[in-house]
C-alpha atoms as a PDB file:
ATOM      1  CA  MET A   1      16.765  -9.022   1.585  1.00  0.00           C
ATOM      2  CA  LEU A   2      16.076 -12.677   0.893  1.00  0.00           C
ATOM      3  CA  ASP A   3      13.738 -13.501  -1.948  1.00  0.00           C
ATOM      4  CA  LEU A   4      11.112 -15.286   0.136  1.00  0.00           C
ATOM      5  CA  PHE A   5       8.709 -15.911  -2.690  1.00  0.00           C
ATOM      6  CA  ARG A   6      10.895 -17.121  -5.516  1.00  0.00           C
ATOM      7  CA  HIS A   7       9.375 -19.973  -7.421  1.00  0.00           C
ATOM      8  CA  PRO A   8      10.696 -23.432  -6.443  1.00  0.00           C
ATOM      9  CA  ASP A   9      10.908 -24.608 -10.050  1.00  0.00           C
ATOM     10  CA  ASP A  10      13.409 -21.812 -10.742  1.00  0.00           C
ATOM     11  CA  ALA A  11      15.585 -23.136  -7.939  1.00  0.00           C
ATOM     12  CA  ASP A  12      15.358 -26.836  -8.834  1.00  0.00           C
ATOM     13  CA  ALA A  13      18.432 -26.863 -11.062  1.00  0.00           C
ATOM     14  CA  ARG A  14      20.500 -24.755  -8.666  1.00  0.00           C
ATOM     15  CA  LEU A  15      19.475 -26.781  -5.610  1.00  0.00           C
ATOM     16  CA  ASP A  16      19.523 -30.197  -7.264  1.00  0.00           C
ATOM     17  CA  GLY A  17      20.111 -32.897  -4.652  1.00  0.00           C
ATOM     18  CA  LYS A  18      18.913 -30.722  -1.785  1.00  0.00           C
ATOM     19  CA  ARG A  19      15.234 -31.626  -2.016  1.00  0.00           C
ATOM     20  CA  LYS A  20      13.679 -32.282   1.421  1.00  0.00           C
ATOM     21  CA  ARG A  21      10.345 -33.755   2.537  1.00  0.00           C
ATOM     22  CA  GLN A  22       8.032 -32.042   5.052  1.00  0.00           C
ATOM     23  CA  ALA A  23       4.520 -32.522   6.396  1.00  0.00           C
ATOM     24  CA  ALA A  24       1.933 -29.797   7.014  1.00  0.00           C
ATOM     25  CA  ALA A  25      -1.297 -29.652   9.009  1.00  0.00           C
ATOM     26  CA  ALA A  26      -4.250 -27.776   7.528  1.00  0.00           C
ATOM     27  CA  VAL A  27      -6.294 -27.488  10.719  1.00  0.00           C
ATOM     28  CA  PHE A  28     -10.023 -26.800  10.274  1.00  0.00           C
ATOM     29  CA  ARG A  29     -12.878 -26.157  12.677  1.00  0.00           C
ATOM     30  CA  GLY A  30     -16.587 -25.657  12.108  1.00  0.00           C
ATOM     31  CA  SER A  31     -18.663 -27.025   9.270  1.00  0.00           C
ATOM     32  CA  GLY A  32     -19.992 -26.117   5.860  1.00  0.00           C
ATOM     33  CA  ASP A  33     -19.431 -22.581   4.610  1.00  0.00           C
ATOM     34  CA  SER A  34     -18.633 -21.381   8.143  1.00  0.00           C
ATOM     35  CA  ARG A  35     -15.558 -23.643   8.343  1.00  0.00           C
ATOM     36  CA  GLU A  36     -12.367 -21.861   9.417  1.00  0.00           C
ATOM     37  CA  LEU A  37      -8.683 -22.586   8.814  1.00  0.00           C
ATOM     38  CA  MET A  38      -6.042 -21.917  11.445  1.00  0.00           C
ATOM     39  CA  LEU A  39      -2.944 -20.064  10.305  1.00  0.00           C
ATOM     40  CA  ILE A  40       0.217 -19.323  12.235  1.00  0.00           C
ATOM     41  CA  THR A  41       2.978 -16.816  11.617  1.00  0.00           C
ATOM     42  CA  SER A  42       6.412 -17.876  10.466  1.00  0.00           C
ATOM     43  CA  ARG A  43       9.231 -17.199  12.883  1.00  0.00           C
ATOM     44  CA  ASP A  44      11.404 -15.289  10.448  1.00  0.00           C
ATOM     45  CA  THR A  45       9.094 -12.878   8.598  1.00  0.00           C
ATOM     46  CA  GLY A  46       5.732 -13.173  10.334  1.00  0.00           C
ATOM     47  CA  ARG A  47       3.957 -14.279   7.144  1.00  0.00           C
ATOM     48  CA  TRP A  48       0.858 -16.471   7.507  1.00  0.00           C
ATOM     49  CA  ILE A  49       1.446 -20.208   7.007  1.00  0.00           C
ATOM     50  CA  VAL A  50       0.106 -23.553   8.207  1.00  0.00           C
ATOM     51  CA  PRO A  51       2.068 -25.625  10.737  1.00  0.00           C
ATOM     52  CA  LYS A  52       4.679 -27.657   8.886  1.00  0.00           C
ATOM     53  CA  GLY A  53       8.070 -29.175   9.398  1.00  0.00           C
ATOM     54  CA  TRP A  54      10.464 -32.044   8.983  1.00  0.00           C
ATOM     55  CA  ILE A  55       9.351 -35.651   9.228  1.00  0.00           C
ATOM     56  CA  GLU A  56      11.438 -37.126  12.015  1.00  0.00           C
ATOM     57  CA  ARG A  57      12.896 -40.611  12.200  1.00  0.00           C
ATOM     58  CA  GLY A  58      10.187 -43.141  13.061  1.00  0.00           C
ATOM     59  CA  GLU A  59       7.325 -40.839  11.969  1.00  0.00           C
ATOM     60  CA  ASP A  60       5.072 -40.955   8.980  1.00  0.00           C
ATOM     61  CA  GLY A  61       3.747 -37.760   7.417  1.00  0.00           C
ATOM     62  CA  ALA A  62       0.477 -37.810   9.362  1.00  0.00           C
ATOM     63  CA  ALA A  63       2.251 -38.125  12.721  1.00  0.00           C
ATOM     64  CA  ALA A  64       4.649 -35.315  11.770  1.00  0.00           C
ATOM     65  CA  ALA A  65       1.728 -33.048  10.781  1.00  0.00           C
ATOM     66  CA  LEU A  66       0.017 -33.639  14.142  1.00  0.00           C
ATOM     67  CA  ARG A  67       3.273 -33.025  16.039  1.00  0.00           C
ATOM     68  CA  GLU A  68       3.888 -29.781  14.142  1.00  0.00           C
ATOM     69  CA  ALA A  69       0.315 -28.630  14.827  1.00  0.00           C
ATOM     70  CA  TRP A  70       0.962 -29.081  18.540  1.00  0.00           C
ATOM     71  CA  GLU A  71       4.471 -27.593  18.656  1.00  0.00           C
ATOM     72  CA  GLU A  72       3.768 -24.577  16.436  1.00  0.00           C
ATOM     73  CA  ALA A  73       0.098 -23.862  17.207  1.00  0.00           C
ATOM     74  CA  GLY A  74      -0.932 -25.663  20.387  1.00  0.00           C
ATOM     75  CA  VAL A  75      -3.720 -27.665  18.764  1.00  0.00           C
ATOM     76  CA  THR A  76      -4.559 -31.342  18.677  1.00  0.00           C
ATOM     77  CA  GLY A  77      -6.967 -33.105  16.394  1.00  0.00           C
ATOM     78  CA  ARG A  78      -7.450 -36.019  14.102  1.00  0.00           C
ATOM     79  CA  ILE A  79      -6.222 -36.542  10.588  1.00  0.00           C
ATOM     80  CA  MET A  80      -8.955 -37.048   8.024  1.00  0.00           C
ATOM     81  CA  THR A  81      -8.666 -40.433   6.351  1.00  0.00           C
ATOM     82  CA  GLY A  82      -7.180 -40.892   2.912  1.00  0.00           C
ATOM     83  CA  GLY A  83      -3.612 -39.650   3.386  1.00  0.00           C
ATOM     84  CA  PRO A  84      -2.349 -36.264   2.298  1.00  0.00           C
ATOM     85  CA  VAL A  85      -4.910 -34.098   0.497  1.00  0.00           C
ATOM     86  CA  GLY A  86      -2.255 -32.524  -1.675  1.00  0.00           C
ATOM     87  CA  HIS A  87       1.329 -31.470  -2.067  1.00  0.00           C
ATOM     88  CA  TYR A  88       3.197 -28.278  -2.758  1.00  0.00           C
ATOM     89  CA  ARG A  89       6.800 -27.211  -3.166  1.00  0.00           C
ATOM     90  CA  TYR A  90       8.636 -24.185  -1.813  1.00  0.00           C
ATOM     91  CA  VAL A  91      12.184 -22.966  -1.278  1.00  0.00           C
ATOM     92  CA  LYS A  92      13.202 -22.987   2.387  1.00  0.00           C
ATOM     93  CA  GLN A  93      15.640 -20.211   3.209  1.00  0.00           C
ATOM     94  CA  ARG A  94      18.542 -21.622   5.233  1.00  0.00           C
ATOM     95  CA  PRO A  95      21.310 -18.998   5.427  1.00  0.00           C
ATOM     96  CA  ARG A  96      23.818 -21.209   7.261  1.00  0.00           C
ATOM     97  CA  ARG A  97      23.219 -24.533   5.486  1.00  0.00           C
ATOM     98  CA  GLY A  98      22.050 -23.376   2.087  1.00  0.00           C
ATOM     99  CA  ASP A  99      18.553 -23.161   0.673  1.00  0.00           C
ATOM    100  CA  ALA A 100      16.565 -26.324   0.015  1.00  0.00           C
ATOM    101  CA  VAL A 101      13.594 -27.206  -2.138  1.00  0.00           C
ATOM    102  CA  CYS A 102      10.940 -28.734   0.131  1.00  0.00           C
ATOM    103  CA  ASP A 103       8.179 -31.050  -1.029  1.00  0.00           C
ATOM    104  CA  VAL A 104       5.345 -30.750   1.486  1.00  0.00           C
ATOM    105  CA  ASP A 105       2.533 -33.276   2.022  1.00  0.00           C
ATOM    106  CA  VAL A 106      -0.553 -31.522   3.420  1.00  0.00           C
ATOM    107  CA  TYR A 107      -2.848 -33.393   5.822  1.00  0.00           C
ATOM    108  CA  LEU A 108      -6.319 -32.246   6.806  1.00  0.00           C
ATOM    109  CA  VAL A 109      -6.728 -32.054  10.574  1.00  0.00           C
ATOM    110  CA  LEU A 110     -10.076 -31.618  12.290  1.00  0.00           C
ATOM    111  CA  LEU A 111      -9.614 -29.610  15.483  1.00  0.00           C
ATOM    112  CA  GLY A 112      -9.789 -31.556  18.721  1.00  0.00           C
ATOM    113  CA  GLU A 113      -8.505 -29.206  21.425  1.00  0.00           C
ATOM    114  CA  GLN A 114      -6.756 -25.861  21.512  1.00  0.00           C
ATOM    115  CA  SER A 115      -4.342 -25.069  24.343  1.00  0.00           C
ATOM    116  CA  GLY A 116      -3.328 -21.721  25.760  1.00  0.00           C
ATOM    117  CA  HIS A 117       0.261 -22.937  26.167  1.00  0.00           C
ATOM    118  CA  TRP A 118       2.433 -24.747  23.610  1.00  0.00           C
ATOM    119  CA  PRO A 119       6.148 -25.090  22.812  1.00  0.00           C
ATOM    120  CA  GLU A 120       6.431 -22.231  20.279  1.00  0.00           C
ATOM    121  CA  LYS A 121       3.845 -19.856  21.756  1.00  0.00           C
ATOM    122  CA  GLY A 122       6.375 -17.086  22.304  1.00  0.00           C
ATOM    123  CA  GLU A 123       7.645 -17.361  18.722  1.00  0.00           C
ATOM    124  CA  ARG A 124       4.422 -17.399  16.679  1.00  0.00           C
ATOM    125  CA  ARG A 125       0.863 -16.124  16.562  1.00  0.00           C
ATOM    126  CA  ARG A 126      -2.113 -18.281  15.628  1.00  0.00           C
ATOM    127  CA  LYS A 127      -5.446 -17.132  14.328  1.00  0.00           C
ATOM    128  CA  TRP A 128      -8.589 -18.663  12.822  1.00  0.00           C
ATOM    129  CA  PHE A 129      -9.763 -17.313   9.467  1.00  0.00           C
ATOM    130  CA  PRO A 130     -12.671 -18.013   7.142  1.00  0.00           C
ATOM    131  CA  VAL A 131     -11.183 -20.247   4.453  1.00  0.00           C
ATOM    132  CA  ALA A 132     -11.423 -17.646   1.660  1.00  0.00           C
ATOM    133  CA  SER A 133      -9.625 -15.077   3.839  1.00  0.00           C
ATOM    134  CA  ALA A 134      -6.948 -17.592   4.813  1.00  0.00           C
ATOM    135  CA  ILE A 135      -6.263 -18.434   1.180  1.00  0.00           C
ATOM    136  CA  GLY A 136      -5.772 -14.736   0.482  1.00  0.00           C
ATOM    137  CA  LEU A 137      -3.203 -14.437   3.276  1.00  0.00           C
ATOM    138  CA  ILE A 138      -1.083 -17.470   2.337  1.00  0.00           C
ATOM    139  CA  GLY A 139       1.950 -16.612   0.215  1.00  0.00           C
ATOM    140  CA  GLU A 140       2.798 -20.009  -1.300  1.00  0.00           C
ATOM    141  CA  GLU A 141       0.705 -20.463  -4.445  1.00  0.00           C
ATOM    142  CA  GLY A 142       0.871 -24.251  -4.252  1.00  0.00           C
ATOM    143  CA  LEU A 143      -0.461 -24.255  -0.698  1.00  0.00           C
ATOM    144  CA  LYS A 144      -3.315 -21.938  -1.712  1.00  0.00           C
ATOM    145  CA  ASP A 145      -4.327 -24.449  -4.383  1.00  0.00           C
ATOM    146  CA  VAL A 146      -4.200 -27.386  -1.940  1.00  0.00           C
ATOM    147  CA  ILE A 147      -6.319 -25.542   0.660  1.00  0.00           C
ATOM    148  CA  ARG A 148      -8.853 -24.403  -1.945  1.00  0.00           C
ATOM    149  CA  ASP A 149      -9.218 -27.952  -3.362  1.00  0.00           C
ATOM    150  CA  ALA A 150      -9.421 -29.498   0.120  1.00  0.00           C
ATOM    151  CA  PHE A 151     -12.117 -27.049   1.237  1.00  0.00           C
ATOM    152  CA  HIS A 152     -14.248 -27.824  -1.810  1.00  0.00           C
ATOM    153  CA  ALA A 153     -13.789 -31.564  -1.245  1.00  0.00           C
ATOM    154  CA  MET A 154     -14.783 -31.201   2.419  1.00  0.00           C
ATOM    155  CA  LYS A 155     -17.944 -29.280   1.464  1.00  0.00           C
ATOM    156  CA  ALA A 156     -18.894 -31.955  -1.055  1.00  0.00           C
ATOM    157  CA  ALA A 157     -18.384 -34.819   1.420  1.00  0.00           C
END
């Protein structure tokens, strides 16, 4: 079985030169303490994650985060100003091409619309969680920290 939760720093030396950049969408709805975070399941193991993926040619990170939110979760929204709210690193399992260390910029997205049909609907589930519950379900420690910090910043704003 693949070690899905190995620490990226342990892999840095072994995967040197294979570092990749991704963008993620932390999609929120509601306000104050009742704010919720949308999580989706990964395609491979069904673990709870936020929409994320590669930044394509001609895109910036914010555009990639919005595209991933649509493709993977069927939601649209608007990016909160100020650029990415944080970053985290993880090891992406790629059996055919070799594993890669991914540096992920996380963008806060305020929900606009939610569709019943989207490109990856048959491959993933999506669900809204209270932020504290969502943090408990996320496996990547770095992403947990980014979400926790972002939620506190949003409450203070």
